[in-house]
Amino acid sequence: MQDAKQAIFDYCKKRGALAVGIASLEACERIAPAGHRPSDLFPRVKSVISLGVGGQTQGTWQMPAKAMAYSGSTETRAYGVAYGLAFHIEQQFGAPSVYVPPDLDPEGGPRVPLQSLKLHAELAGIGARSLAGDILLHPEYGFMYYASVFTELELEPDAPMAENPCPAPSCVSMYRQIGRTPCMKFCPAQCLSGEIDAQGKQKLMRYDMAACAELTQEYEAVPKILAEAVKDEVRSQGAEGLLDPDRKMLWYKVSAGSGAWFAQCFECMRVCPIATKAPQADPVLRSKD
């Protein structure tokens, strides 16, 4: 089992993953809601593998928010590594495996994922929840994108992080002075708030998802727009709705393959010292090791 686990870690890291871990299946099954547990997607699952890849270059953090979603995201690399890993496990160990789709549940609406990749990563010990809307952070690699694989191969689970890197010392200092951390202060939607205790640890995190979505995820209206157009009995009116000038940019982004069903903001991560200044957050510095 240990040899197989090491071989899986080696495979992932050779293909660009920075961190790999095995989440406790028991914990995933207990915490995830019914319908979104690993066994709901893959009934004979024995292990949950989570991996993370590095995010932006240092230069990307200087770009305006509207451009960062195009230039800074490396999430597709995470998905590619995970997809290949599922085939690798089946080939090398003969255990049925599946790449976990990072997509929304078509029966659950535009905010409900099939699986929580964030939960997998947290339980696998490769990320910890931050004050910035529960975005996961790693003490060495900062901000990462995550992907998961379910397999019938039984692997020993790893433990969650013993210490959460958030808040950073500078964030604690700022909180002591003004009652807010950088992510709270510079959030354009003011959707973040929370408390830090006397030991400099997270005491409470509040995230107003609706306020965040109003600014950053306005494109989730697409399903509603299409439904309205289809239901319109007058074809010309339905077409007019789709071709409304205010919606032209949306269709352009989707047709260009930008993944712009959703927008992104990044302002909380832009000012996060862990996301931008963790020891191995800079891909150039990583390449010198």
Protein backbone atom coordinates (compact mmCIF):
# COMPACT_ATOMS: atom_id res chain seq x y z
CA MET A 1 0.00 0.00 0.00
CA GLN A 2 2.76 2.44 0.92
CA ASP A 3 4.66 1.70 -2.31
CA ALA A 4 1.53 2.35 -4.34
CA LYS A 5 0.90 5.59 -2.49
CA GLN A 6 4.44 6.81 -3.13
CA ALA A 7 4.18 5.85 -6.80
CA ILE A 8 0.98 7.89 -7.10
CA PHE A 9 2.59 10.89 -5.41
CA ASP A 10 5.60 10.61 -7.71
CA TYR A 11 3.37 10.45 -10.78
CA CYS A 12 1.46 13.59 -9.78
CA LYS A 13 4.54 15.62 -8.90
CA LYS A 14 6.35 14.63 -12.09
CA ARG A 15 3.42 16.06 -14.02
CA GLY A 16 3.25 19.36 -12.19
CA ALA A 17 1.39 18.83 -8.92
CA LEU A 18 2.95 20.65 -5.98
CA ALA A 19 1.06 18.84 -3.24
CA VAL A 20 -0.69 15.46 -3.08
CA GLY A 21 -2.58 13.84 -0.24
CA ILE A 22 -5.09 11.12 0.60
CA ALA A 23 -8.26 12.31 2.33
CA SER A 24 -10.01 10.17 4.91
CA LEU A 25 -12.90 8.50 3.10
CA GLU A 26 -14.76 8.12 6.39
CA ALA A 27 -14.49 11.86 7.05
CA CYS A 28 -15.58 12.75 3.51
CA GLU A 29 -18.62 10.50 3.81
CA ARG A 30 -19.51 11.97 7.21
CA ILE A 31 -19.07 15.64 6.34
CA ALA A 32 -20.37 15.86 2.78
CA PRO A 33 -24.16 16.10 2.43
CA ALA A 34 -26.18 13.23 1.07
CA GLY A 35 -25.95 13.04 -2.70
CA HIS A 36 -22.50 14.62 -2.71
CA ARG A 37 -20.49 12.01 -0.86
CA PRO A 38 -17.73 10.13 -2.68
CA SER A 39 -19.78 6.92 -2.65
CA ASP A 40 -22.69 8.74 -4.31
CA LEU A 41 -20.51 9.33 -7.34
CA PHE A 42 -18.35 6.18 -7.20
CA PRO A 43 -20.08 3.51 -5.06
CA ARG A 44 -17.04 1.24 -4.51
CA VAL A 45 -14.60 4.02 -3.70
CA LYS A 46 -11.86 3.09 -1.24
CA SER A 47 -9.61 6.19 -1.40
CA VAL A 48 -9.92 9.91 -2.16
CA ILE A 49 -6.80 11.43 -3.72
CA SER A 50 -6.41 15.20 -3.79
CA LEU A 51 -3.73 17.18 -5.60
CA GLY A 52 -2.88 20.85 -5.99
CA VAL A 53 -1.04 22.80 -8.67
CA GLY A 54 0.54 26.26 -8.42
CA GLY A 55 -1.32 29.39 -9.29
CA GLN A 56 -0.25 32.69 -10.76
CA THR A 57 3.18 33.98 -11.67
CA GLN A 58 4.24 36.98 -9.60
CA GLY A 59 3.54 39.26 -12.55
CA THR A 60 -0.05 38.10 -12.82
CA TRP A 61 -0.91 39.63 -9.46
CA GLN A 62 -0.31 43.06 -11.01
CA MET A 63 -2.93 42.59 -13.72
CA PRO A 64 -6.41 44.10 -13.45
CA ALA A 65 -9.04 41.77 -12.07
CA LYS A 66 -10.84 41.41 -15.41
CA ALA A 67 -7.70 39.88 -16.95
CA MET A 68 -6.53 37.63 -14.13
CA ALA A 69 -9.13 34.94 -14.82
CA TYR A 70 -7.62 34.48 -18.27
CA SER A 71 -3.92 34.85 -17.53
CA GLY A 72 -3.58 33.52 -14.01
CA SER A 73 -5.59 30.32 -13.78
CA THR A 74 -3.77 26.98 -13.81
CA GLU A 75 -6.81 24.93 -12.80
CA THR A 76 -6.88 23.03 -16.10
CA ARG A 77 -3.42 21.66 -15.29
CA ALA A 78 -4.79 20.22 -12.05
CA TYR A 79 -7.62 18.57 -13.94
CA GLY A 80 -5.21 17.17 -16.53
CA VAL A 81 -2.98 15.61 -13.87
CA ALA A 82 -5.98 14.07 -12.11
CA TYR A 83 -7.45 12.73 -15.34
CA GLY A 84 -4.16 11.07 -16.23
CA LEU A 85 -3.77 9.72 -12.71
CA ALA A 86 -7.05 7.80 -12.93
CA PHE A 87 -5.76 5.99 -16.02
CA HIS A 88 -2.34 5.49 -14.42
CA ILE A 89 -3.81 3.78 -11.35
CA GLU A 90 -5.91 1.45 -13.48
CA GLN A 91 -2.93 0.59 -15.67
CA GLN A 92 -0.39 0.10 -12.89
CA PHE A 93 -2.51 -1.32 -10.09
CA GLY A 94 -5.61 -2.71 -11.83
CA ALA A 95 -7.95 -0.73 -9.56
CA PRO A 96 -10.95 1.03 -11.15
CA SER A 97 -10.51 4.79 -10.73
CA VAL A 98 -12.26 7.96 -11.82
CA TYR A 99 -11.34 11.59 -12.31
CA VAL A 100 -13.72 13.61 -10.16
CA PRO A 101 -15.55 16.17 -12.31
CA PRO A 102 -15.20 19.70 -10.90
CA ASP A 103 -18.59 20.61 -12.32
CA LEU A 104 -21.90 21.67 -10.89
CA ASP A 105 -24.66 19.19 -10.15
CA PRO A 106 -27.30 19.68 -12.89
CA GLU A 107 -29.95 18.65 -10.38
CA GLY A 108 -28.67 20.96 -7.65
CA GLY A 109 -28.54 24.35 -9.35
CA PRO A 110 -25.73 26.71 -10.31
CA ARG A 111 -24.09 26.79 -6.86
CA VAL A 112 -24.04 23.11 -5.92
CA PRO A 113 -21.01 21.06 -7.05
CA LEU A 114 -21.08 17.32 -7.66
CA GLN A 115 -18.27 17.01 -5.12
CA SER A 116 -16.42 19.43 -2.85
CA LEU A 117 -12.84 19.39 -4.11
CA LYS A 118 -12.08 21.82 -1.31
CA LEU A 119 -13.23 19.33 1.31
CA HIS A 120 -11.05 16.62 -0.25
CA ALA A 121 -7.98 18.89 -0.22
CA GLU A 122 -8.54 20.06 3.33
CA LEU A 123 -8.94 16.53 4.69
CA ALA A 124 -5.92 15.39 2.66
CA GLY A 125 -3.75 17.99 4.40
CA ILE A 126 -2.81 20.03 1.32
CA GLY A 127 -4.80 23.16 2.12
CA ALA A 128 -6.43 24.96 5.06
CA ARG A 129 -9.40 27.30 5.08
CA SER A 130 -8.64 31.00 5.12
CA LEU A 131 -10.48 34.11 6.26
CA ALA A 132 -10.97 34.90 2.57
CA GLY A 133 -14.24 33.09 2.02
CA ASP A 134 -12.78 29.69 2.97
CA ILE A 135 -10.32 29.75 0.06
CA LEU A 136 -7.70 27.10 0.81
CA LEU A 137 -4.10 28.17 1.40
CA HIS A 138 -0.89 26.20 1.79
CA PRO A 139 2.01 27.41 4.00
CA GLU A 140 4.62 26.56 1.35
CA TYR A 141 2.79 27.00 -1.95
CA GLY A 142 0.23 29.65 -1.09
CA PHE A 143 -2.79 29.66 -3.43
CA MET A 144 -3.36 26.49 -5.45
CA TYR A 145 -5.97 24.92 -7.71
CA TYR A 146 -7.21 21.47 -6.68
CA ALA A 147 -8.44 18.29 -8.34
CA SER A 148 -9.47 14.87 -7.07
CA VAL A 149 -9.46 11.20 -8.04
CA PHE A 150 -11.57 8.39 -6.55
CA THR A 151 -10.17 4.87 -6.70
CA GLU A 152 -10.90 1.34 -5.51
CA LEU A 153 -7.23 1.09 -4.56
CA GLU A 154 -7.02 1.27 -0.76
CA LEU A 155 -4.50 3.89 0.37
CA GLU A 156 -3.59 5.11 3.84
CA PRO A 157 -5.16 8.54 4.46
CA ASP A 158 -3.17 11.59 5.46
CA ALA A 159 -4.10 13.99 8.25
CA PRO A 160 -5.35 17.55 7.81
CA MET A 161 -2.85 20.33 8.49
CA ALA A 162 -1.97 20.63 12.16
CA GLU A 163 -1.52 24.40 11.85
CA ASN A 164 -3.50 26.76 9.62
CA PRO A 165 -1.20 29.31 7.91
CA CYS A 166 -4.04 31.87 7.88
CA PRO A 167 -3.89 34.47 9.28
CA ALA A 168 -0.31 35.47 8.53
CA PRO A 169 1.53 37.50 11.23
CA SER A 170 1.16 40.72 9.22
CA CYS A 171 -2.58 40.09 8.92
CA VAL A 172 -2.85 39.61 12.68
CA SER A 173 -1.00 42.88 13.21
CA MET A 174 -3.34 44.73 10.86
CA TYR A 175 -6.38 43.19 12.54
CA ARG A 176 -5.14 44.35 15.95
CA GLN A 177 -4.91 47.90 14.60
CA ILE A 178 -8.06 48.33 12.49
CA GLY A 179 -10.19 45.24 13.15
CA ARG A 180 -9.77 43.90 9.62
CA THR A 181 -7.28 41.80 7.70
CA PRO A 182 -6.14 42.78 4.17
CA CYS A 183 -8.65 40.46 2.49
CA MET A 184 -11.48 41.99 4.52
CA LYS A 185 -10.35 45.57 3.88
CA PHE A 186 -9.81 45.30 0.13
CA CYS A 187 -12.74 43.06 -0.83
CA PRO A 188 -14.67 45.21 -3.36
CA ALA A 189 -17.96 43.58 -2.37
CA GLN A 190 -17.20 43.77 1.36
CA CYS A 191 -18.36 40.18 1.67
CA LEU A 192 -15.65 39.10 4.15
CA SER A 193 -15.51 39.57 7.90
CA GLY A 194 -14.32 37.61 10.90
CA GLU A 195 -12.46 37.54 14.16
CA ILE A 196 -8.94 36.61 15.29
CA ASP A 197 -8.41 35.40 18.84
CA ALA A 198 -5.77 36.42 21.37
CA GLN A 199 -3.40 33.72 20.08
CA GLY A 200 -3.56 35.08 16.54
CA LYS A 201 -5.74 32.23 15.27
CA GLN A 202 -8.99 32.26 13.34
CA LYS A 203 -11.88 32.55 15.74
CA LEU A 204 -14.67 33.22 13.28
CA MET A 205 -14.99 33.65 9.52
CA ARG A 206 -18.00 35.18 7.82
CA TYR A 207 -18.51 35.04 4.07
CA ASP A 208 -21.51 36.67 2.35
CA MET A 209 -21.70 34.46 -0.72
CA ALA A 210 -24.61 36.41 -2.22
CA ALA A 211 -22.70 39.70 -2.09
CA CYS A 212 -19.64 38.04 -3.58
CA ALA A 213 -21.67 36.42 -6.37
CA GLU A 214 -23.35 39.69 -7.30
CA LEU A 215 -19.94 41.09 -8.19
CA THR A 216 -17.98 38.07 -9.36
CA GLN A 217 -20.40 35.45 -10.64
CA GLU A 218 -22.97 37.39 -12.59
CA TYR A 219 -22.58 34.99 -15.49
CA GLU A 220 -24.39 32.24 -13.68
CA ALA A 221 -27.52 33.89 -15.14
CA VAL A 222 -26.77 32.03 -18.39
CA PRO A 223 -29.06 29.04 -17.65
CA LYS A 224 -31.90 31.41 -16.84
CA ILE A 225 -31.31 33.46 -20.01
CA LEU A 226 -31.41 30.32 -22.17
CA ALA A 227 -34.51 28.99 -20.43
CA GLU A 228 -36.36 32.25 -21.03
CA ALA A 229 -35.41 32.25 -24.71
CA VAL A 230 -36.54 28.65 -25.24
CA LYS A 231 -39.87 29.20 -23.53
CA ASP A 232 -40.68 32.29 -25.58
CA GLU A 233 -43.37 31.22 -28.07
CA VAL A 234 -42.48 34.05 -30.44
CA ARG A 235 -39.16 32.98 -31.97
CA SER A 236 -38.11 36.50 -32.88
CA GLN A 237 -38.53 37.66 -29.30
CA GLY A 238 -36.51 34.74 -27.98
CA ALA A 239 -33.69 35.55 -30.39
CA GLU A 240 -33.81 39.20 -29.46
CA GLY A 241 -33.31 38.26 -25.84
CA LEU A 242 -30.21 36.23 -26.68
CA LEU A 243 -28.80 38.99 -28.85
CA ASP A 244 -29.39 41.78 -26.38
CA PRO A 245 -26.38 44.16 -26.55
CA ASP A 246 -25.74 43.77 -22.85
CA ARG A 247 -25.24 40.02 -23.37
CA LYS A 248 -22.90 40.12 -26.37
CA MET A 249 -19.73 40.10 -24.27
CA LEU A 250 -21.00 37.06 -22.38
CA TRP A 251 -21.52 35.04 -25.56
CA TYR A 252 -18.16 36.14 -26.91
CA LYS A 253 -16.37 34.93 -23.78
CA VAL A 254 -18.14 31.58 -23.84
CA SER A 255 -17.48 31.03 -27.56
CA ALA A 256 -13.81 31.98 -27.09
CA GLY A 257 -13.42 29.13 -24.61
CA SER A 258 -12.46 31.39 -21.75
CA GLY A 259 -14.50 29.41 -19.27
CA ALA A 260 -16.44 32.58 -18.53
CA TRP A 261 -19.63 31.04 -17.30
CA PHE A 262 -18.32 32.64 -14.15
CA ALA A 263 -16.28 35.75 -13.51
CA GLN A 264 -13.59 35.95 -10.88
CA CYS A 265 -12.31 38.70 -8.64
CA PHE A 266 -9.01 37.68 -6.98
CA GLU A 267 -8.76 40.89 -4.91
CA CYS A 268 -8.65 38.99 -1.61
CA MET A 269 -5.81 36.83 -2.89
CA ARG A 270 -3.97 39.76 -4.47
CA VAL A 271 -3.42 41.27 -1.00
CA CYS A 272 -2.92 37.94 0.81
CA PRO A 273 0.69 37.52 2.00
CA ILE A 274 0.31 33.74 2.02
CA ALA A 275 -1.06 33.52 -1.52
CA THR A 276 1.59 35.80 -2.99
CA LYS A 277 4.59 35.47 -0.67
CA ALA A 278 4.63 31.88 0.61
CA PRO A 279 8.13 30.35 0.27
CA GLN A 280 7.24 28.36 -2.86
CA ALA A 281 4.42 30.52 -4.23
CA ASP A 282 6.67 32.04 -6.89
CA PRO A 283 7.02 29.51 -9.76
CA VAL A 284 10.37 31.01 -10.77
CA LEU A 285 11.82 30.41 -7.32
CA ARG A 286 10.38 26.87 -7.31
CA SER A 287 12.18 26.08 -10.55
CA LYS A 288 15.54 26.93 -8.95
CA ASP A 289 15.22 24.25 -6.27
